[in-house]
Amino acid sequence: MLAVMKFGGPQLVGSELVGLIVAVSFAAGLNVYATVATLGLLAHAGLLDLPSGLHLLASWWVIAASGVLFAIELFADKIPGFDLFWNALHTFVRIPVAALIAYGATSQLSPEKQLLAALAGGAIALAAHGGKTAARVAVTPSPEPFSNFALSAGEDTLAVFLTWLATRHPIAAALIVAAFLAVIVVVMRWIVRAMTRALRNLFHSPENEARNEARNGAENELDNKLAPSNRHDLDVA
């Protein structure tokens, strides 16, 4: 028989609690509806003992709403172009919900530590959400739809898997998240450098340089034409 994991329970205070918050926050940054629904279903299956601050997640109303929204995202997130709008909109959903889950999971700690956990949960969700959005920006221009579909399906599966694994083996789940965060940092740095290089090339392209030279030449020619007139006015004065 599977043991019941106490989400935020006294026995999790320490590295396991940190690992659980890290993994669940990252999962929420990928797909917040799948994460919330998975936590609620695990609680109803008797595999997860939610703390008082997260009892609302076990409500069938919350589970049903999360399931419906997850089903909508399942399709909306796989439409090239629309998925970018969907992810931009969910910047204001995934990150706050991840912070609230982290805050509720540490209800047995001091308010200061709860606030710190909420900030950490939001930051991790932001990193996951940012990495997901960057990947979509890179994949969406692809003419074939399979890559976008596969990427979205992989993100949904990873969110559910990480949430489940965090309730069974929180430290292992946190290590997986750490590897993903390292990849996201590298990819984001590469994207920033590529965008900087593209902007530099745009503003220093031969066409722009020729246009600037033509503009400067016209201004110099106008100044030369006005110079004799100005000298004549000075002589008359």
C-alpha atoms as a PDB file:
ATOM      1  CA  MET A   1       0.000   0.000   0.000  1.00  0.00           C
ATOM      2  CA  LEU A   2       1.290   3.442  -0.886  1.00  0.00           C
ATOM      3  CA  ALA A   3       2.182   5.695   2.017  1.00  0.00           C
ATOM      4  CA  VAL A   4       0.326   8.980   2.389  1.00  0.00           C
ATOM      5  CA  MET A   5       2.541  11.978   1.699  1.00  0.00           C
ATOM      6  CA  LYS A   6       1.836  14.962   3.935  1.00  0.00           C
ATOM      7  CA  PHE A   7       2.193  18.047   1.751  1.00  0.00           C
ATOM      8  CA  GLY A   8       3.729  20.550   4.133  1.00  0.00           C
ATOM      9  CA  GLY A   9       3.498  18.215   7.107  1.00  0.00           C
ATOM     10  CA  PRO A  10       6.005  18.347   9.973  1.00  0.00           C
ATOM     11  CA  GLN A  11       8.059  15.454   8.580  1.00  0.00           C
ATOM     12  CA  LEU A  12       8.628  17.437   5.378  1.00  0.00           C
ATOM     13  CA  VAL A  13      10.122  20.488   7.040  1.00  0.00           C
ATOM     14  CA  GLY A  14      13.586  20.774   5.521  1.00  0.00           C
ATOM     15  CA  SER A  15      14.981  19.539   2.234  1.00  0.00           C
ATOM     16  CA  GLU A  16      11.902  17.478   1.313  1.00  0.00           C
ATOM     17  CA  LEU A  17       9.554  20.419   1.785  1.00  0.00           C
ATOM     18  CA  VAL A  18      11.861  22.615  -0.279  1.00  0.00           C
ATOM     19  CA  GLY A  19      12.048  19.960  -2.995  1.00  0.00           C
ATOM     20  CA  LEU A  20       8.279  19.584  -3.087  1.00  0.00           C
ATOM     21  CA  ILE A  21       7.721  23.353  -3.400  1.00  0.00           C
ATOM     22  CA  VAL A  22      10.380  23.647  -6.107  1.00  0.00           C
ATOM     23  CA  ALA A  23       8.891  20.831  -8.201  1.00  0.00           C
ATOM     24  CA  VAL A  24       5.237  21.859  -7.813  1.00  0.00           C
ATOM     25  CA  SER A  25       6.045  25.511  -8.548  1.00  0.00           C
ATOM     26  CA  PHE A  26       7.882  24.535 -11.726  1.00  0.00           C
ATOM     27  CA  ALA A  27       4.986  22.308 -12.766  1.00  0.00           C
ATOM     28  CA  ALA A  28       2.554  25.178 -12.185  1.00  0.00           C
ATOM     29  CA  GLY A  29       4.708  27.389 -14.402  1.00  0.00           C
ATOM     30  CA  LEU A  30       4.251  24.846 -17.198  1.00  0.00           C
ATOM     31  CA  ASN A  31       0.564  24.051 -16.709  1.00  0.00           C
ATOM     32  CA  VAL A  32      -1.122  25.390 -13.607  1.00  0.00           C
ATOM     33  CA  TYR A  33      -4.453  23.661 -14.256  1.00  0.00           C
ATOM     34  CA  ALA A  34      -2.867  20.223 -14.593  1.00  0.00           C
ATOM     35  CA  THR A  35      -0.883  20.839 -11.410  1.00  0.00           C
ATOM     36  CA  VAL A  36      -3.888  21.902  -9.334  1.00  0.00           C
ATOM     37  CA  ALA A  37      -6.053  19.059 -10.665  1.00  0.00           C
ATOM     38  CA  THR A  38      -3.323  16.491  -9.973  1.00  0.00           C
ATOM     39  CA  LEU A  39      -2.853  17.686  -6.385  1.00  0.00           C
ATOM     40  CA  GLY A  40      -6.592  17.562  -5.786  1.00  0.00           C
ATOM     41  CA  LEU A  41      -6.998  14.079  -7.268  1.00  0.00           C
ATOM     42  CA  LEU A  42      -4.046  12.727  -5.287  1.00  0.00           C
ATOM     43  CA  ALA A  43      -5.621  14.113  -2.120  1.00  0.00           C
ATOM     44  CA  HIS A  44      -8.956  12.450  -2.929  1.00  0.00           C
ATOM     45  CA  ALA A  45      -7.182   9.167  -3.677  1.00  0.00           C
ATOM     46  CA  GLY A  46      -5.710   9.212  -0.199  1.00  0.00           C
ATOM     47  CA  LEU A  47      -2.160   9.546  -1.502  1.00  0.00           C
ATOM     48  CA  LEU A  48      -1.642  13.138  -0.377  1.00  0.00           C
ATOM     49  CA  ASP A  49      -2.505  14.883   2.873  1.00  0.00           C
ATOM     50  CA  LEU A  50      -2.892  18.556   2.057  1.00  0.00           C
ATOM     51  CA  PRO A  51      -2.138  21.165   4.738  1.00  0.00           C
ATOM     52  CA  SER A  52      -4.931  23.400   5.994  1.00  0.00           C
ATOM     53  CA  GLY A  53      -3.841  26.187   3.683  1.00  0.00           C
ATOM     54  CA  LEU A  54      -4.414  23.989   0.617  1.00  0.00           C
ATOM     55  CA  HIS A  55      -7.580  22.092   1.570  1.00  0.00           C
ATOM     56  CA  LEU A  56      -9.445  24.082  -1.078  1.00  0.00           C
ATOM     57  CA  LEU A  57      -7.528  22.160  -3.769  1.00  0.00           C
ATOM     58  CA  ALA A  58      -9.292  18.951  -2.704  1.00  0.00           C
ATOM     59  CA  SER A  59     -12.700  20.451  -3.440  1.00  0.00           C
ATOM     60  CA  TRP A  60     -14.464  18.754  -6.339  1.00  0.00           C
ATOM     61  CA  TRP A  61     -15.434  22.209  -7.589  1.00  0.00           C
ATOM     62  CA  VAL A  62     -11.770  23.218  -7.828  1.00  0.00           C
ATOM     63  CA  ILE A  63     -10.809  19.878  -9.380  1.00  0.00           C
ATOM     64  CA  ALA A  64     -13.647  20.112 -11.919  1.00  0.00           C
ATOM     65  CA  ALA A  65     -12.822  23.724 -12.820  1.00  0.00           C
ATOM     66  CA  SER A  66      -9.137  22.874 -13.186  1.00  0.00           C
ATOM     67  CA  GLY A  67     -10.013  19.860 -15.326  1.00  0.00           C
ATOM     68  CA  VAL A  68     -12.191  21.925 -17.668  1.00  0.00           C
ATOM     69  CA  LEU A  69      -9.554  24.654 -17.987  1.00  0.00           C
ATOM     70  CA  PHE A  70      -6.897  22.001 -18.533  1.00  0.00           C
ATOM     71  CA  ALA A  71      -8.986  20.527 -21.358  1.00  0.00           C
ATOM     72  CA  ILE A  72      -9.301  23.986 -22.931  1.00  0.00           C
ATOM     73  CA  GLU A  73      -5.567  24.577 -22.619  1.00  0.00           C
ATOM     74  CA  LEU A  74      -4.933  21.124 -24.049  1.00  0.00           C
ATOM     75  CA  PHE A  75      -6.241  22.412 -27.382  1.00  0.00           C
ATOM     76  CA  ALA A  76      -5.549  26.152 -27.162  1.00  0.00           C
ATOM     77  CA  ASP A  77      -1.902  25.588 -26.319  1.00  0.00           C
ATOM     78  CA  LYS A  78      -1.375  23.546 -29.470  1.00  0.00           C
ATOM     79  CA  ILE A  79      -2.581  26.129 -31.995  1.00  0.00           C
ATOM     80  CA  PRO A  80       0.441  27.882 -33.556  1.00  0.00           C
ATOM     81  CA  GLY A  81       0.261  31.624 -33.010  1.00  0.00           C
ATOM     82  CA  PHE A  82      -2.658  31.497 -30.568  1.00  0.00           C
ATOM     83  CA  ASP A  83      -0.454  29.610 -28.111  1.00  0.00           C
ATOM     84  CA  LEU A  84       1.752  32.723 -27.769  1.00  0.00           C
ATOM     85  CA  PHE A  85      -1.260  34.842 -26.799  1.00  0.00           C
ATOM     86  CA  TRP A  86      -2.456  32.101 -24.430  1.00  0.00           C
ATOM     87  CA  ASN A  87       0.924  31.886 -22.695  1.00  0.00           C
ATOM     88  CA  ALA A  88       1.228  35.667 -22.430  1.00  0.00           C
ATOM     89  CA  LEU A  89      -2.213  35.807 -20.806  1.00  0.00           C
ATOM     90  CA  HIS A  90      -1.284  33.074 -18.330  1.00  0.00           C
ATOM     91  CA  THR A  91       1.656  35.073 -17.029  1.00  0.00           C
ATOM     92  CA  PHE A  92      -0.944  36.516 -14.641  1.00  0.00           C
ATOM     93  CA  VAL A  93      -2.275  33.078 -13.669  1.00  0.00           C
ATOM     94  CA  ARG A  94       0.563  30.568 -13.374  1.00  0.00           C
ATOM     95  CA  ILE A  95       2.952  32.680 -11.328  1.00  0.00           C
ATOM     96  CA  PRO A  96       0.477  33.949  -8.685  1.00  0.00           C
ATOM     97  CA  VAL A  97      -1.087  30.496  -8.247  1.00  0.00           C
ATOM     98  CA  ALA A  98       2.352  28.900  -7.799  1.00  0.00           C
ATOM     99  CA  ALA A  99       3.176  31.519  -5.157  1.00  0.00           C
ATOM    100  CA  LEU A 100      -0.121  30.841  -3.353  1.00  0.00           C
ATOM    101  CA  ILE A 101       0.478  27.084  -3.380  1.00  0.00           C
ATOM    102  CA  ALA A 102       3.959  27.571  -1.912  1.00  0.00           C
ATOM    103  CA  TYR A 103       2.518  29.905   0.713  1.00  0.00           C
ATOM    104  CA  GLY A 104      -0.212  27.428   1.667  1.00  0.00           C
ATOM    105  CA  ALA A 105       2.215  24.503   1.760  1.00  0.00           C
ATOM    106  CA  THR A 106       4.268  26.247   4.462  1.00  0.00           C
ATOM    107  CA  SER A 107       1.368  27.154   6.741  1.00  0.00           C
ATOM    108  CA  GLN A 108       3.168  25.511   9.672  1.00  0.00           C
ATOM    109  CA  LEU A 109       6.122  27.903   9.314  1.00  0.00           C
ATOM    110  CA  SER A 110       6.491  31.509  10.421  1.00  0.00           C
ATOM    111  CA  PRO A 111       4.917  34.250   8.275  1.00  0.00           C
ATOM    112  CA  GLU A 112       8.368  35.406   7.184  1.00  0.00           C
ATOM    113  CA  LYS A 113       9.276  31.937   5.912  1.00  0.00           C
ATOM    114  CA  GLN A 114       5.881  31.611   4.252  1.00  0.00           C
ATOM    115  CA  LEU A 115       6.475  34.855   2.372  1.00  0.00           C
ATOM    116  CA  LEU A 116       9.928  33.655   1.352  1.00  0.00           C
ATOM    117  CA  ALA A 117       8.447  30.372   0.116  1.00  0.00           C
ATOM    118  CA  ALA A 118       5.809  32.269  -1.869  1.00  0.00           C
ATOM    119  CA  LEU A 119       8.441  34.471  -3.514  1.00  0.00           C
ATOM    120  CA  ALA A 120      10.574  31.435  -4.345  1.00  0.00           C
ATOM    121  CA  GLY A 121       7.582  29.558  -5.747  1.00  0.00           C
ATOM    122  CA  GLY A 122       6.611  32.509  -7.919  1.00  0.00           C
ATOM    123  CA  ALA A 123      10.177  32.956  -9.164  1.00  0.00           C
ATOM    124  CA  ILE A 124      10.496  29.273 -10.098  1.00  0.00           C
ATOM    125  CA  ALA A 125       7.129  29.362 -11.869  1.00  0.00           C
ATOM    126  CA  LEU A 126       8.271  32.497 -13.717  1.00  0.00           C
ATOM    127  CA  ALA A 127      11.416  30.691 -14.891  1.00  0.00           C
ATOM    128  CA  ALA A 128       9.375  27.716 -16.122  1.00  0.00           C
ATOM    129  CA  HIS A 129       6.822  29.992 -17.777  1.00  0.00           C
ATOM    130  CA  GLY A 130       9.566  32.073 -19.404  1.00  0.00           C
ATOM    131  CA  GLY A 131      11.353  29.002 -20.717  1.00  0.00           C
ATOM    132  CA  LYS A 132       8.079  27.619 -22.081  1.00  0.00           C
ATOM    133  CA  THR A 133       7.262  30.910 -23.815  1.00  0.00           C
ATOM    134  CA  ALA A 134      10.761  31.165 -25.301  1.00  0.00           C
ATOM    135  CA  ALA A 135      10.482  27.629 -26.655  1.00  0.00           C
ATOM    136  CA  ARG A 136       7.131  28.478 -28.225  1.00  0.00           C
ATOM    137  CA  VAL A 137       8.569  31.589 -29.886  1.00  0.00           C
ATOM    138  CA  ALA A 138      11.297  29.429 -31.404  1.00  0.00           C
ATOM    139  CA  VAL A 139       8.977  26.609 -32.539  1.00  0.00           C
ATOM    140  CA  THR A 140       5.847  28.510 -33.680  1.00  0.00           C
ATOM    141  CA  PRO A 141       7.366  29.790 -36.982  1.00  0.00           C
ATOM    142  CA  SER A 142       7.910  26.165 -38.051  1.00  0.00           C
ATOM    143  CA  PRO A 143       5.629  25.431 -41.039  1.00  0.00           C
ATOM    144  CA  GLU A 144       4.700  21.928 -39.839  1.00  0.00           C
ATOM    145  CA  PRO A 145       2.375  21.669 -36.807  1.00  0.00           C
ATOM    146  CA  PHE A 146       3.861  18.506 -35.296  1.00  0.00           C
ATOM    147  CA  SER A 147       6.721  20.217 -33.427  1.00  0.00           C
ATOM    148  CA  ASN A 148       4.348  22.652 -31.694  1.00  0.00           C
ATOM    149  CA  PHE A 149       1.942  19.823 -30.804  1.00  0.00           C
ATOM    150  CA  ALA A 150       4.736  17.599 -29.481  1.00  0.00           C
ATOM    151  CA  LEU A 151       6.225  20.409 -27.396  1.00  0.00           C
ATOM    152  CA  SER A 152       2.861  21.245 -25.826  1.00  0.00           C
ATOM    153  CA  ALA A 153       2.075  17.587 -25.086  1.00  0.00           C
ATOM    154  CA  GLY A 154       5.503  17.153 -23.518  1.00  0.00           C
ATOM    155  CA  GLU A 155       4.957  20.184 -21.265  1.00  0.00           C
ATOM    156  CA  ASP A 156       1.566  18.891 -20.108  1.00  0.00           C
ATOM    157  CA  THR A 157       2.970  15.440 -19.386  1.00  0.00           C
ATOM    158  CA  LEU A 158       5.952  16.888 -17.541  1.00  0.00           C
ATOM    159  CA  ALA A 159       3.692  19.066 -15.354  1.00  0.00           C
ATOM    160  CA  VAL A 160       1.596  16.080 -14.260  1.00  0.00           C
ATOM    161  CA  PHE A 161       4.642  13.840 -13.781  1.00  0.00           C
ATOM    162  CA  LEU A 162       6.552  16.402 -11.706  1.00  0.00           C
ATOM    163  CA  THR A 163       3.530  17.031  -9.491  1.00  0.00           C
ATOM    164  CA  TRP A 164       3.098  13.320  -8.841  1.00  0.00           C
ATOM    165  CA  LEU A 165       6.832  12.724  -8.348  1.00  0.00           C
ATOM    166  CA  ALA A 166       7.063  15.652  -5.930  1.00  0.00           C
ATOM    167  CA  THR A 167       4.522  13.945  -3.663  1.00  0.00           C
ATOM    168  CA  ARG A 168       6.467  10.660  -3.770  1.00  0.00           C
ATOM    169  CA  HIS A 169      10.123  11.669  -4.081  1.00  0.00           C
ATOM    170  CA  PRO A 170      10.385  15.446  -3.616  1.00  0.00           C
ATOM    171  CA  ILE A 171      14.183  15.598  -3.676  1.00  0.00           C
ATOM    172  CA  ALA A 172      14.417  13.643  -6.941  1.00  0.00           C
ATOM    173  CA  ALA A 173      11.747  15.913  -8.449  1.00  0.00           C
ATOM    174  CA  ALA A 174      13.679  18.988  -7.331  1.00  0.00           C
ATOM    175  CA  LEU A 175      16.870  17.674  -8.947  1.00  0.00           C
ATOM    176  CA  ILE A 176      15.035  17.220 -12.245  1.00  0.00           C
ATOM    177  CA  VAL A 177      13.736  20.781 -11.970  1.00  0.00           C
ATOM    178  CA  ALA A 178      17.253  22.047 -11.240  1.00  0.00           C
ATOM    179  CA  ALA A 179      18.451  20.459 -14.492  1.00  0.00           C
ATOM    180  CA  PHE A 180      15.604  22.105 -16.417  1.00  0.00           C
ATOM    181  CA  LEU A 181      16.341  25.476 -14.800  1.00  0.00           C
ATOM    182  CA  ALA A 182      19.983  25.214 -15.875  1.00  0.00           C
ATOM    183  CA  VAL A 183      18.895  24.515 -19.452  1.00  0.00           C
ATOM    184  CA  ILE A 184      16.446  27.443 -19.345  1.00  0.00           C
ATOM    185  CA  VAL A 185      19.182  29.821 -18.155  1.00  0.00           C
ATOM    186  CA  VAL A 186      21.479  28.747 -20.998  1.00  0.00           C
ATOM    187  CA  VAL A 187      18.714  28.984 -23.601  1.00  0.00           C
ATOM    188  CA  MET A 188      17.523  32.381 -22.356  1.00  0.00           C
ATOM    189  CA  ARG A 189      21.069  33.749 -22.509  1.00  0.00           C
ATOM    190  CA  TRP A 190      21.387  32.458 -26.056  1.00  0.00           C
ATOM    191  CA  ILE A 191      18.064  34.055 -27.028  1.00  0.00           C
ATOM    192  CA  VAL A 192      19.033  37.412 -25.492  1.00  0.00           C
ATOM    193  CA  ARG A 193      22.358  37.369 -27.332  1.00  0.00           C
ATOM    194  CA  ALA A 194      20.664  36.434 -30.605  1.00  0.00           C
ATOM    195  CA  MET A 195      18.129  39.237 -30.228  1.00  0.00           C
ATOM    196  CA  THR A 196      20.860  41.739 -29.342  1.00  0.00           C
ATOM    197  CA  ARG A 197      22.867  40.675 -32.382  1.00  0.00           C
ATOM    198  CA  ALA A 198      19.806  40.946 -34.622  1.00  0.00           C
ATOM    199  CA  LEU A 199      18.988  44.440 -33.363  1.00  0.00           C
ATOM    200  CA  ARG A 200      22.594  45.515 -33.803  1.00  0.00           C
ATOM    201  CA  ASN A 201      22.615  44.236 -37.369  1.00  0.00           C
ATOM    202  CA  LEU A 202      19.280  45.936 -38.027  1.00  0.00           C
ATOM    203  CA  PHE A 203      20.447  49.355 -36.931  1.00  0.00           C
ATOM    204  CA  HIS A 204      23.893  48.967 -38.511  1.00  0.00           C
ATOM    205  CA  SER A 205      22.855  47.365 -41.789  1.00  0.00           C
ATOM    206  CA  PRO A 206      24.341  48.690 -45.065  1.00  0.00           C
ATOM    207  CA  GLU A 207      20.938  50.089 -46.042  1.00  0.00           C
ATOM    208  CA  ASN A 208      20.677  52.105 -42.843  1.00  0.00           C
ATOM    209  CA  GLU A 209      24.254  53.320 -43.131  1.00  0.00           C
ATOM    210  CA  ALA A 210      23.637  54.425 -46.722  1.00  0.00           C
ATOM    211  CA  ARG A 211      20.426  56.138 -45.645  1.00  0.00           C
ATOM    212  CA  ASN A 212      22.237  57.949 -42.823  1.00  0.00           C
ATOM    213  CA  GLU A 213      25.029  59.031 -45.183  1.00  0.00           C
ATOM    214  CA  ALA A 214      22.474  60.359 -47.683  1.00  0.00           C
ATOM    215  CA  ARG A 215      20.689  62.265 -44.911  1.00  0.00           C
ATOM    216  CA  ASN A 216      23.955  63.738 -43.645  1.00  0.00           C
ATOM    217  CA  GLY A 217      24.961  64.683 -47.177  1.00  0.00           C
ATOM    218  CA  ALA A 218      21.671  66.490 -47.754  1.00  0.00           C
ATOM    219  CA  GLU A 219      22.029  68.374 -44.482  1.00  0.00           C
ATOM    220  CA  ASN A 220      25.601  69.415 -45.352  1.00  0.00           C
ATOM    221  CA  GLU A 221      24.502  70.567 -48.794  1.00  0.00           C
ATOM    222  CA  LEU A 222      21.724  72.636 -47.251  1.00  0.00           C
ATOM    223  CA  ASP A 223      24.176  74.177 -44.781  1.00  0.00           C
ATOM    224  CA  ASN A 224      26.536  75.074 -47.633  1.00  0.00           C
ATOM    225  CA  LYS A 225      23.718  76.793 -49.515  1.00  0.00           C
ATOM    226  CA  LEU A 226      22.664  78.771 -46.479  1.00  0.00           C
ATOM    227  CA  ALA A 227      26.196  79.790 -45.514  1.00  0.00           C
ATOM    228  CA  PRO A 228      26.710  82.476 -48.282  1.00  0.00           C
ATOM    229  CA  SER A 229      23.309  83.975 -47.516  1.00  0.00           C
ATOM    230  CA  ASN A 230      24.194  84.240 -43.840  1.00  0.00           C
ATOM    231  CA  ARG A 231      27.532  85.898 -44.656  1.00  0.00           C
ATOM    232  CA  HIS A 232      25.730  88.420 -46.944  1.00  0.00           C
ATOM    233  CA  ASP A 233      23.303  89.299 -44.182  1.00  0.00           C
ATOM    234  CA  LEU A 234      26.244  89.904 -41.834  1.00  0.00           C
ATOM    235  CA  ASP A 235      27.969  92.171 -44.387  1.00  0.00           C
ATOM    236  CA  VAL A 236      24.811  94.223 -44.854  1.00  0.00           C
ATOM    237  CA  ALA A 237      24.434  94.588 -41.116  1.00  0.00           C
END
